[in-house]
């Protein structure tokens, strides 16, 4: 008899095991609330991290450009390959110039792209006619998340101390 009683109570407990629909819905609501809080607090942090990463990349490239200039006496031109002259030795017409190249100036494999997948822009600026000769004779910037140049979200290398700066932060001050 004892065996029958035991099997009856086990069957009764097995039928009662599990979650009710309300419990499952409550768990889903809690998970959705946590996910929405994560989105609200993490996405702005990610945008700030991407801009900081871009600022660090621009500073690194500026340092490499200055080292290139110290070795060769000038900044790389478009004929030299632009920023690619920092990674791979260009073919110089003057063999003496080729001997002065002591690169790579940037660690090989370092992508010269911002976190949004856009190439870092480098333009040599002619400062001979410019009265304001402060800062480096080049423009170094990222087009930012929208991919359009000369917009609010561009990240540029500033002339003061060659530090990268978010354009929106500069215009708000």
N, C-alpha and C. Protein backbone atom coordinates (compact mmCIF):
# COMPACT_ATOMS: atom_id res chain seq x y z
N UNK A 1 0.79 -1.18 0.00
CA UNK A 1 0.00 0.00 0.00
C UNK A 1 0.85 1.26 0.00
N UNK A 2 1.87 1.18 0.66
CA UNK A 2 2.74 2.33 0.73
C UNK A 2 3.25 2.72 -0.65
N UNK A 3 3.48 1.82 -1.46
CA UNK A 3 3.98 2.09 -2.81
C UNK A 3 2.95 2.87 -3.61
N UNK A 4 1.69 2.51 -3.49
CA UNK A 4 0.64 3.22 -4.22
C UNK A 4 0.52 4.67 -3.77
N UNK A 5 0.57 4.89 -2.48
CA UNK A 5 0.48 6.25 -1.98
C UNK A 5 1.64 7.10 -2.50
N UNK A 6 2.79 6.55 -2.53
CA UNK A 6 3.98 7.28 -2.97
C UNK A 6 3.86 7.65 -4.44
N UNK A 7 3.43 6.71 -5.27
CA UNK A 7 3.30 6.99 -6.69
C UNK A 7 2.20 8.00 -6.96
N UNK A 8 1.15 8.02 -6.18
CA UNK A 8 0.06 8.98 -6.36
C UNK A 8 0.54 10.41 -6.05
N UNK A 9 1.31 10.57 -4.96
CA UNK A 9 1.80 11.91 -4.61
C UNK A 9 2.82 12.40 -5.61
N UNK A 10 3.62 11.52 -6.18
CA UNK A 10 4.59 11.95 -7.17
C UNK A 10 3.89 12.40 -8.44
N UNK A 11 2.85 11.72 -8.84
CA UNK A 11 2.11 12.13 -10.03
C UNK A 11 1.43 13.46 -9.80
N UNK A 12 0.92 13.68 -8.60
CA UNK A 12 0.25 14.94 -8.30
C UNK A 12 1.25 16.10 -8.35
N UNK A 13 2.43 15.91 -7.80
CA UNK A 13 3.45 16.96 -7.83
C UNK A 13 3.95 17.20 -9.25
N UNK A 14 4.09 16.18 -10.05
CA UNK A 14 4.56 16.33 -11.41
C UNK A 14 3.57 17.14 -12.23
N UNK A 15 2.31 17.01 -12.01
CA UNK A 15 1.31 17.77 -12.73
C UNK A 15 1.29 19.22 -12.31
N UNK A 16 1.75 19.55 -11.11
CA UNK A 16 1.73 20.91 -10.61
C UNK A 16 3.02 21.67 -10.94
N UNK A 17 4.06 20.99 -11.39
CA UNK A 17 5.34 21.64 -11.68
C UNK A 17 5.21 22.52 -12.92
N UNK A 18 6.04 23.61 -13.00
CA UNK A 18 6.04 24.50 -14.15
C UNK A 18 5.66 25.91 -13.75
N UNK A 19 5.63 26.79 -14.75
CA UNK A 19 5.31 28.19 -14.52
C UNK A 19 3.95 28.51 -15.10
N UNK A 20 3.29 29.45 -14.51
CA UNK A 20 2.01 29.90 -15.06
C UNK A 20 2.29 30.94 -16.13
N UNK A 21 1.30 31.24 -16.91
CA UNK A 21 1.43 32.23 -17.98
C UNK A 21 1.76 33.61 -17.40
N UNK A 22 1.17 33.94 -16.29
CA UNK A 22 1.43 35.24 -15.67
C UNK A 22 2.88 35.34 -15.22
N UNK A 23 3.44 34.28 -14.68
CA UNK A 23 4.84 34.30 -14.26
C UNK A 23 5.77 34.49 -15.45
N UNK A 24 5.47 33.82 -16.53
CA UNK A 24 6.30 33.94 -17.74
C UNK A 24 6.21 35.36 -18.30
N UNK A 25 5.01 35.92 -18.36
CA UNK A 25 4.84 37.28 -18.86
C UNK A 25 5.56 38.28 -17.97
N UNK A 26 5.51 38.06 -16.67
CA UNK A 26 6.20 38.95 -15.75
C UNK A 26 7.71 38.93 -15.97
N UNK A 27 8.26 37.77 -16.19
CA UNK A 27 9.70 37.65 -16.47
C UNK A 27 10.05 38.36 -17.78
N UNK A 28 9.21 38.21 -18.80
CA UNK A 28 9.46 38.87 -20.08
C UNK A 28 9.41 40.38 -19.92
N UNK A 29 8.47 40.90 -19.16
CA UNK A 29 8.37 42.34 -18.93
C UNK A 29 9.61 42.85 -18.21
N UNK A 30 10.08 42.12 -17.22
CA UNK A 30 11.28 42.54 -16.49
C UNK A 30 12.49 42.56 -17.43
N UNK A 31 12.63 41.56 -18.27
CA UNK A 31 13.75 41.51 -19.23
C UNK A 31 13.67 42.69 -20.19
N UNK A 32 12.46 43.01 -20.67
CA UNK A 32 12.31 44.15 -21.58
C UNK A 32 12.64 45.47 -20.90
N UNK A 33 12.27 45.62 -19.65
CA UNK A 33 12.61 46.83 -18.92
C UNK A 33 14.13 46.97 -18.75
N UNK A 34 14.79 45.88 -18.44
CA UNK A 34 16.25 45.92 -18.30
C UNK A 34 16.92 46.23 -19.65
N UNK A 35 16.40 45.66 -20.73
CA UNK A 35 16.97 45.91 -22.06
C UNK A 35 16.78 47.37 -22.46
N UNK A 36 15.61 47.93 -22.18
CA UNK A 36 15.39 49.33 -22.55
C UNK A 36 16.28 50.26 -21.73
N UNK A 37 16.49 49.96 -20.45
CA UNK A 37 17.39 50.76 -19.63
C UNK A 37 18.82 50.67 -20.16
N UNK A 38 19.20 49.50 -20.61
CA UNK A 38 20.53 49.31 -21.18
C UNK A 38 20.70 50.16 -22.43
N UNK A 39 19.71 50.17 -23.28
CA UNK A 39 19.78 50.96 -24.52
C UNK A 39 19.87 52.45 -24.19
N UNK A 40 19.08 52.91 -23.23
CA UNK A 40 19.07 54.32 -22.89
C UNK A 40 20.40 54.77 -22.31
N UNK A 41 21.06 53.95 -21.52
CA UNK A 41 22.29 54.37 -20.86
C UNK A 41 23.56 54.00 -21.63
N UNK A 42 23.53 52.95 -22.44
CA UNK A 42 24.76 52.49 -23.09
C UNK A 42 24.99 53.15 -24.44
N UNK A 43 23.96 53.39 -25.23
CA UNK A 43 24.17 53.97 -26.56
C UNK A 43 24.86 55.33 -26.53
N UNK A 44 24.48 56.26 -25.65
CA UNK A 44 25.23 57.51 -25.61
C UNK A 44 26.70 57.31 -25.22
N UNK A 45 26.96 56.35 -24.36
CA UNK A 45 28.34 56.05 -23.98
C UNK A 45 29.13 55.52 -25.17
N UNK A 46 28.47 54.73 -26.01
CA UNK A 46 29.14 54.18 -27.18
C UNK A 46 29.53 55.28 -28.15
N UNK A 47 28.63 56.25 -28.34
CA UNK A 47 28.93 57.36 -29.24
C UNK A 47 30.13 58.16 -28.72
N UNK A 48 30.16 58.40 -27.43
CA UNK A 48 31.29 59.11 -26.84
C UNK A 48 32.58 58.33 -26.97
N UNK A 49 32.49 57.02 -26.82
CA UNK A 49 33.69 56.17 -26.96
C UNK A 49 34.21 56.19 -28.39
N UNK A 50 33.29 56.20 -29.36
CA UNK A 50 33.72 56.25 -30.76
C UNK A 50 34.44 57.56 -31.08
N UNK A 51 33.93 58.66 -30.54
CA UNK A 51 34.58 59.95 -30.77
C UNK A 51 35.93 60.00 -30.08
N UNK A 52 36.04 59.46 -28.87
CA UNK A 52 37.32 59.43 -28.17
C UNK A 52 38.33 58.57 -28.91
N UNK A 53 37.88 57.45 -29.46
CA UNK A 53 38.76 56.60 -30.24
C UNK A 53 39.27 57.33 -31.47
N UNK A 54 38.39 58.10 -32.11
CA UNK A 54 38.79 58.87 -33.29
C UNK A 54 39.80 59.94 -32.91
N UNK A 55 39.60 60.61 -31.78
CA UNK A 55 40.55 61.62 -31.32
C UNK A 55 41.93 61.01 -31.09
N UNK A 56 41.95 59.84 -30.47
CA UNK A 56 43.23 59.17 -30.22
C UNK A 56 43.91 58.77 -31.54
N UNK A 57 43.12 58.28 -32.49
CA UNK A 57 43.68 57.90 -33.80
C UNK A 57 44.27 59.12 -34.50
N UNK A 58 43.56 60.24 -34.48
CA UNK A 58 44.07 61.45 -35.13
C UNK A 58 45.35 61.93 -34.46
N UNK A 59 45.42 61.85 -33.16
CA UNK A 59 46.65 62.24 -32.45
C UNK A 59 47.81 61.32 -32.82
N UNK A 60 47.52 60.04 -32.94
CA UNK A 60 48.56 59.07 -33.32
C UNK A 60 49.06 59.35 -34.73
N UNK A 61 48.14 59.64 -35.65
CA UNK A 61 48.53 59.92 -37.03
C UNK A 61 49.31 61.23 -37.09
N UNK A 62 48.91 62.24 -36.29
CA UNK A 62 49.63 63.51 -36.27
C UNK A 62 51.07 63.32 -35.79
N UNK A 63 51.26 62.48 -34.79
CA UNK A 63 52.60 62.19 -34.30
C UNK A 63 53.43 61.49 -35.39
N UNK A 64 52.80 60.57 -36.10
CA UNK A 64 53.49 59.87 -37.18
C UNK A 64 53.85 60.84 -38.31
N UNK A 65 52.95 61.78 -38.61
CA UNK A 65 53.24 62.78 -39.65
C UNK A 65 54.41 63.67 -39.24
N UNK A 66 54.47 64.05 -37.98
CA UNK A 66 55.58 64.88 -37.51
C UNK A 66 56.90 64.12 -37.56
N UNK A 67 56.88 62.85 -37.23
CA UNK A 67 58.10 62.03 -37.31
C UNK A 67 58.54 61.88 -38.76
N UNK A 68 57.59 61.69 -39.66
CA UNK A 68 57.89 61.61 -41.10
C UNK A 68 58.57 62.90 -41.55
N UNK A 69 58.01 64.04 -41.12
CA UNK A 69 58.59 65.33 -41.51
C UNK A 69 59.99 65.49 -40.95
N UNK A 70 60.24 65.05 -39.73
CA UNK A 70 61.57 65.15 -39.16
C UNK A 70 62.58 64.34 -39.97
N UNK A 71 62.17 63.19 -40.46
CA UNK A 71 63.08 62.33 -41.23
C UNK A 71 63.28 62.83 -42.66
N UNK A 72 62.22 63.25 -43.32
CA UNK A 72 62.31 63.59 -44.73
C UNK A 72 62.30 65.09 -45.01
N UNK A 73 62.01 65.91 -44.01
CA UNK A 73 62.05 67.35 -44.22
C UNK A 73 60.75 67.94 -44.74
N UNK A 74 59.75 67.13 -44.94
CA UNK A 74 58.44 67.61 -45.41
C UNK A 74 57.39 66.57 -45.06
N UNK A 75 56.14 67.01 -45.13
CA UNK A 75 55.03 66.10 -44.89
C UNK A 75 54.74 65.31 -46.17
N UNK A 76 54.14 64.13 -46.06
CA UNK A 76 53.83 63.36 -47.27
C UNK A 76 52.80 64.08 -48.14
N UNK A 77 53.02 64.02 -49.43
CA UNK A 77 52.09 64.65 -50.38
C UNK A 77 51.22 63.57 -51.02
N UNK A 78 50.32 64.00 -51.87
CA UNK A 78 49.47 63.04 -52.58
C UNK A 78 50.31 62.15 -53.51
N UNK A 79 51.38 62.70 -54.07
CA UNK A 79 52.26 61.91 -54.93
C UNK A 79 52.97 60.81 -54.14
N UNK A 80 53.18 61.07 -52.85
CA UNK A 80 53.82 60.07 -51.98
C UNK A 80 52.82 59.02 -51.50
N UNK A 81 51.54 59.27 -51.71
CA UNK A 81 50.53 58.32 -51.27
C UNK A 81 49.74 58.81 -50.07
N UNK A 82 49.94 60.06 -49.66
CA UNK A 82 49.19 60.59 -48.53
C UNK A 82 49.55 59.86 -47.25
N UNK A 83 48.54 59.45 -46.51
CA UNK A 83 48.78 58.75 -45.24
C UNK A 83 49.38 57.36 -45.44
N UNK A 84 49.24 56.80 -46.63
CA UNK A 84 49.84 55.48 -46.88
C UNK A 84 51.37 55.54 -46.83
N UNK A 85 51.94 56.75 -47.00
CA UNK A 85 53.40 56.91 -46.92
C UNK A 85 53.90 56.69 -45.49
N UNK A 86 52.99 56.70 -44.53
CA UNK A 86 53.38 56.44 -43.14
C UNK A 86 53.52 54.96 -42.87
N UNK A 87 52.87 54.14 -43.68
CA UNK A 87 52.85 52.69 -43.46
C UNK A 87 53.83 51.97 -44.39
N UNK A 88 53.80 52.34 -45.67
CA UNK A 88 54.65 51.68 -46.66
C UNK A 88 55.55 52.72 -47.34
N UNK A 89 56.76 52.31 -47.65
CA UNK A 89 57.73 53.23 -48.27
C UNK A 89 57.29 53.57 -49.68
N UNK A 90 57.11 54.86 -49.96
CA UNK A 90 56.73 55.26 -51.32
C UNK A 90 57.91 55.15 -52.28
N UNK A 91 57.63 55.17 -53.56
CA UNK A 91 58.68 55.20 -54.58
C UNK A 91 59.04 56.66 -54.85
N UNK A 92 60.17 57.09 -54.34
CA UNK A 92 60.61 58.46 -54.52
C UNK A 92 61.44 58.57 -55.78
N UNK A 93 61.32 59.71 -56.46
CA UNK A 93 62.15 59.96 -57.64
C UNK A 93 63.60 60.17 -57.24
N UNK A 94 63.79 60.79 -56.09
CA UNK A 94 65.12 61.05 -55.57
C UNK A 94 65.52 59.89 -54.65
N UNK A 95 66.55 59.12 -54.99
CA UNK A 95 66.94 57.98 -54.15
C UNK A 95 67.41 58.41 -52.75
N UNK A 96 67.94 59.61 -52.61
CA UNK A 96 68.37 60.09 -51.29
C UNK A 96 67.18 60.25 -50.35
N UNK A 97 66.04 60.66 -50.91
CA UNK A 97 64.83 60.79 -50.11
C UNK A 97 64.38 59.42 -49.61
N UNK A 98 64.50 58.42 -50.48
CA UNK A 98 64.14 57.06 -50.11
C UNK A 98 64.98 56.52 -48.97
N UNK A 99 66.25 56.93 -48.91
CA UNK A 99 67.14 56.50 -47.84
C UNK A 99 66.76 57.13 -46.50
N UNK A 100 66.15 58.29 -46.54
CA UNK A 100 65.78 58.98 -45.31
C UNK A 100 64.51 58.41 -44.67
N UNK A 101 63.73 57.69 -45.45
CA UNK A 101 62.48 57.12 -44.93
C UNK A 101 62.82 56.04 -43.92
N UNK A 102 62.40 56.21 -42.68
CA UNK A 102 62.73 55.27 -41.60
C UNK A 102 61.48 54.61 -41.03
N UNK A 103 60.48 54.44 -41.85
CA UNK A 103 59.20 53.91 -41.38
C UNK A 103 59.20 52.40 -41.21
N UNK A 104 58.08 51.85 -40.97
CA UNK A 104 56.75 52.48 -40.92
C UNK A 104 56.58 53.33 -39.67
N UNK A 105 55.88 54.42 -39.85
CA UNK A 105 55.66 55.38 -38.77
C UNK A 105 54.41 55.05 -37.95
N UNK A 106 53.55 54.27 -38.53
CA UNK A 106 52.37 53.75 -37.84
C UNK A 106 52.48 52.24 -37.88
N UNK A 107 52.10 51.61 -36.81
CA UNK A 107 52.18 50.16 -36.72
C UNK A 107 51.43 49.53 -37.91
N UNK A 108 52.10 48.65 -38.66
CA UNK A 108 51.44 48.00 -39.79
C UNK A 108 50.18 47.26 -39.34
N UNK A 109 49.14 47.38 -40.12
CA UNK A 109 47.87 46.76 -39.78
C UNK A 109 46.93 47.70 -39.07
N UNK A 110 47.44 48.89 -38.67
CA UNK A 110 46.56 49.87 -38.04
C UNK A 110 45.65 50.46 -39.11
N UNK A 111 44.35 50.29 -38.95
CA UNK A 111 43.46 50.85 -39.98
C UNK A 111 43.40 52.37 -39.86
N UNK A 112 43.55 53.04 -40.96
CA UNK A 112 43.44 54.50 -40.98
C UNK A 112 41.99 54.88 -41.25
N UNK A 113 41.11 54.28 -40.46
CA UNK A 113 39.67 54.54 -40.56
C UNK A 113 39.14 54.86 -39.19
N UNK A 114 38.08 55.68 -39.18
CA UNK A 114 37.43 55.98 -37.90
C UNK A 114 36.50 54.83 -37.53
N UNK A 115 35.93 54.83 -36.33
CA UNK A 115 35.07 53.72 -35.91
C UNK A 115 33.81 53.54 -36.77
N UNK A 116 33.47 54.54 -37.58
CA UNK A 116 32.28 54.44 -38.43
C UNK A 116 32.63 53.90 -39.81
N UNK A 117 33.90 53.55 -40.04
CA UNK A 117 34.30 52.94 -41.30
C UNK A 117 34.70 53.93 -42.38
N UNK A 118 34.88 55.20 -42.04
CA UNK A 118 35.29 56.22 -43.01
C UNK A 118 36.78 56.45 -42.88
N UNK A 119 37.45 56.65 -44.03
CA UNK A 119 38.89 56.89 -44.01
C UNK A 119 39.19 58.23 -43.34
N UNK A 120 40.31 58.27 -42.64
CA UNK A 120 40.78 59.52 -42.04
C UNK A 120 41.22 60.42 -43.19
N UNK A 121 40.79 61.67 -43.16
CA UNK A 121 41.11 62.61 -44.23
C UNK A 121 42.38 63.38 -43.89
N UNK A 122 43.24 63.51 -44.89
CA UNK A 122 44.50 64.23 -44.74
C UNK A 122 44.67 65.12 -45.95
N UNK A 123 44.84 66.42 -45.71
CA UNK A 123 45.03 67.37 -46.79
C UNK A 123 46.18 68.30 -46.42
N UNK A 124 47.12 68.44 -47.34
CA UNK A 124 48.22 69.38 -47.13
C UNK A 124 47.68 70.77 -47.44
N UNK A 125 47.97 71.74 -46.54
CA UNK A 125 47.49 73.11 -46.68
C UNK A 125 48.65 74.01 -47.02
N UNK A 126 48.48 74.85 -48.03
CA UNK A 126 49.52 75.80 -48.41
C UNK A 126 49.38 77.03 -47.51
N UNK A 127 50.33 77.22 -46.62
CA UNK A 127 50.27 78.32 -45.65
C UNK A 127 51.10 79.54 -46.09
N UNK A 128 51.63 79.54 -47.31
CA UNK A 128 52.46 80.66 -47.73
C UNK A 128 51.66 81.95 -47.86
N UNK A 129 50.43 81.87 -48.36
CA UNK A 129 49.60 83.07 -48.54
C UNK A 129 48.76 83.36 -47.30
N UNK A 130 48.71 82.43 -46.38
CA UNK A 130 47.87 82.57 -45.19
C UNK A 130 48.59 83.42 -44.14
N UNK A 131 47.90 84.44 -43.62
CA UNK A 131 48.49 85.29 -42.59
C UNK A 131 48.56 84.57 -41.25
N UNK A 132 47.58 83.72 -40.99
CA UNK A 132 47.53 82.97 -39.74
C UNK A 132 48.30 81.66 -39.95
N UNK A 133 49.58 81.67 -39.60
CA UNK A 133 50.42 80.50 -39.86
C UNK A 133 50.55 79.58 -38.66
N UNK A 134 49.61 79.66 -37.75
CA UNK A 134 49.68 78.79 -36.58
C UNK A 134 49.15 77.42 -36.93
N UNK A 135 49.66 76.43 -36.24
CA UNK A 135 49.19 75.07 -36.45
C UNK A 135 49.95 74.35 -37.54
N UNK A 136 49.65 73.08 -37.69
CA UNK A 136 50.36 72.27 -38.68
C UNK A 136 49.93 72.65 -40.10
N UNK A 137 50.78 72.42 -41.08
CA UNK A 137 50.44 72.76 -42.47
C UNK A 137 49.61 71.66 -43.15
N UNK A 138 48.75 71.05 -42.40
CA UNK A 138 47.86 70.05 -42.96
C UNK A 138 46.55 70.02 -42.18
N UNK A 139 45.54 69.47 -42.81
CA UNK A 139 44.26 69.23 -42.14
C UNK A 139 44.14 67.73 -41.94
N UNK A 140 43.81 67.34 -40.74
CA UNK A 140 43.64 65.93 -40.41
C UNK A 140 42.32 65.82 -39.67
N UNK A 141 41.38 65.06 -40.24
CA UNK A 141 40.06 65.00 -39.62
C UNK A 141 39.31 63.73 -40.02
N UNK A 142 38.24 63.50 -39.28
CA UNK A 142 37.32 62.41 -39.57
C UNK A 142 35.98 63.05 -39.90
N UNK A 143 35.25 62.46 -40.84
CA UNK A 143 33.96 63.03 -41.23
C UNK A 143 32.85 62.67 -40.25
N UNK A 144 33.14 61.86 -39.26
CA UNK A 144 32.15 61.55 -38.23
C UNK A 144 31.14 60.50 -38.65
N UNK A 145 30.12 60.31 -37.83
CA UNK A 145 29.15 59.23 -38.08
C UNK A 145 28.33 59.42 -39.35
N UNK A 146 28.07 60.67 -39.76
CA UNK A 146 27.21 60.87 -40.94
C UNK A 146 27.97 60.70 -42.25
N UNK A 147 29.30 60.71 -42.22
CA UNK A 147 30.09 60.50 -43.43
C UNK A 147 30.16 61.71 -44.35
N UNK A 148 29.65 62.85 -43.90
CA UNK A 148 29.66 64.06 -44.70
C UNK A 148 30.70 65.03 -44.16
N UNK A 149 31.56 65.57 -45.03
CA UNK A 149 32.55 66.53 -44.53
C UNK A 149 31.91 67.88 -44.21
N UNK A 150 32.58 68.63 -43.34
CA UNK A 150 32.17 69.98 -42.94
C UNK A 150 30.79 70.02 -42.32
N UNK A 151 30.51 69.08 -41.43
CA UNK A 151 29.27 69.09 -40.66
C UNK A 151 29.61 69.14 -39.18
N UNK A 152 28.59 69.24 -38.34
CA UNK A 152 28.78 69.39 -36.90
C UNK A 152 29.52 68.23 -36.25
N UNK A 153 29.32 67.03 -36.77
CA UNK A 153 29.86 65.86 -36.08
C UNK A 153 31.27 65.48 -36.50
N UNK A 154 31.93 66.32 -37.29
CA UNK A 154 33.31 66.03 -37.69
C UNK A 154 34.23 66.11 -36.48
N UNK A 155 35.25 65.27 -36.50
CA UNK A 155 36.28 65.29 -35.46
C UNK A 155 37.56 65.72 -36.14
N UNK A 156 38.14 66.84 -35.67
CA UNK A 156 39.30 67.44 -36.33
C UNK A 156 40.50 67.49 -35.39
N UNK A 157 41.66 67.65 -35.99
CA UNK A 157 42.87 67.91 -35.24
C UNK A 157 42.98 69.42 -35.11
N UNK A 158 43.02 69.92 -33.89
CA UNK A 158 43.06 71.36 -33.67
C UNK A 158 44.49 71.87 -33.71
N UNK A 159 44.68 73.13 -34.09
CA UNK A 159 46.05 73.68 -34.13
C UNK A 159 46.67 73.81 -32.75
N UNK A 160 45.88 74.06 -31.71
CA UNK A 160 46.44 74.27 -30.38
C UNK A 160 46.93 72.93 -29.81
N UNK A 161 48.21 72.76 -29.83
CA UNK A 161 48.79 71.58 -29.21
C UNK A 161 48.55 70.30 -29.99
N UNK A 162 48.09 70.40 -31.21
CA UNK A 162 47.83 69.23 -32.06
C UNK A 162 46.96 68.19 -31.37
N UNK A 163 45.92 68.64 -30.68
CA UNK A 163 45.00 67.71 -30.04
C UNK A 163 43.75 67.59 -30.88
N UNK A 164 43.24 66.37 -30.98
CA UNK A 164 42.02 66.16 -31.73
C UNK A 164 40.85 66.68 -30.92
N UNK A 165 39.86 67.21 -31.62
CA UNK A 165 38.73 67.82 -30.94
C UNK A 165 37.45 67.55 -31.71
N UNK A 166 36.39 67.36 -30.97
CA UNK A 166 35.08 67.20 -31.56
C UNK A 166 34.58 68.59 -31.94
N UNK A 167 34.16 68.78 -33.17
CA UNK A 167 33.72 70.09 -33.64
C UNK A 167 32.52 70.58 -32.84
N UNK A 168 31.60 69.70 -32.49
CA UNK A 168 30.41 70.12 -31.74
C UNK A 168 30.80 70.65 -30.37
N UNK A 169 31.80 70.09 -29.75
CA UNK A 169 32.24 70.56 -28.44
C UNK A 169 32.87 71.94 -28.58
N UNK A 170 33.56 72.19 -29.69
CA UNK A 170 34.21 73.49 -29.88
C UNK A 170 33.19 74.59 -30.16
N UNK A 171 32.11 74.27 -30.87
CA UNK A 171 31.14 75.29 -31.21
C UNK A 171 30.21 75.60 -30.06
N UNK A 172 30.02 74.69 -29.12
CA UNK A 172 29.12 74.92 -27.99
C UNK A 172 29.73 75.81 -26.94
N UNK A 173 31.06 75.91 -26.88
CA UNK A 173 31.71 76.67 -25.81
C UNK A 173 31.70 78.15 -26.06
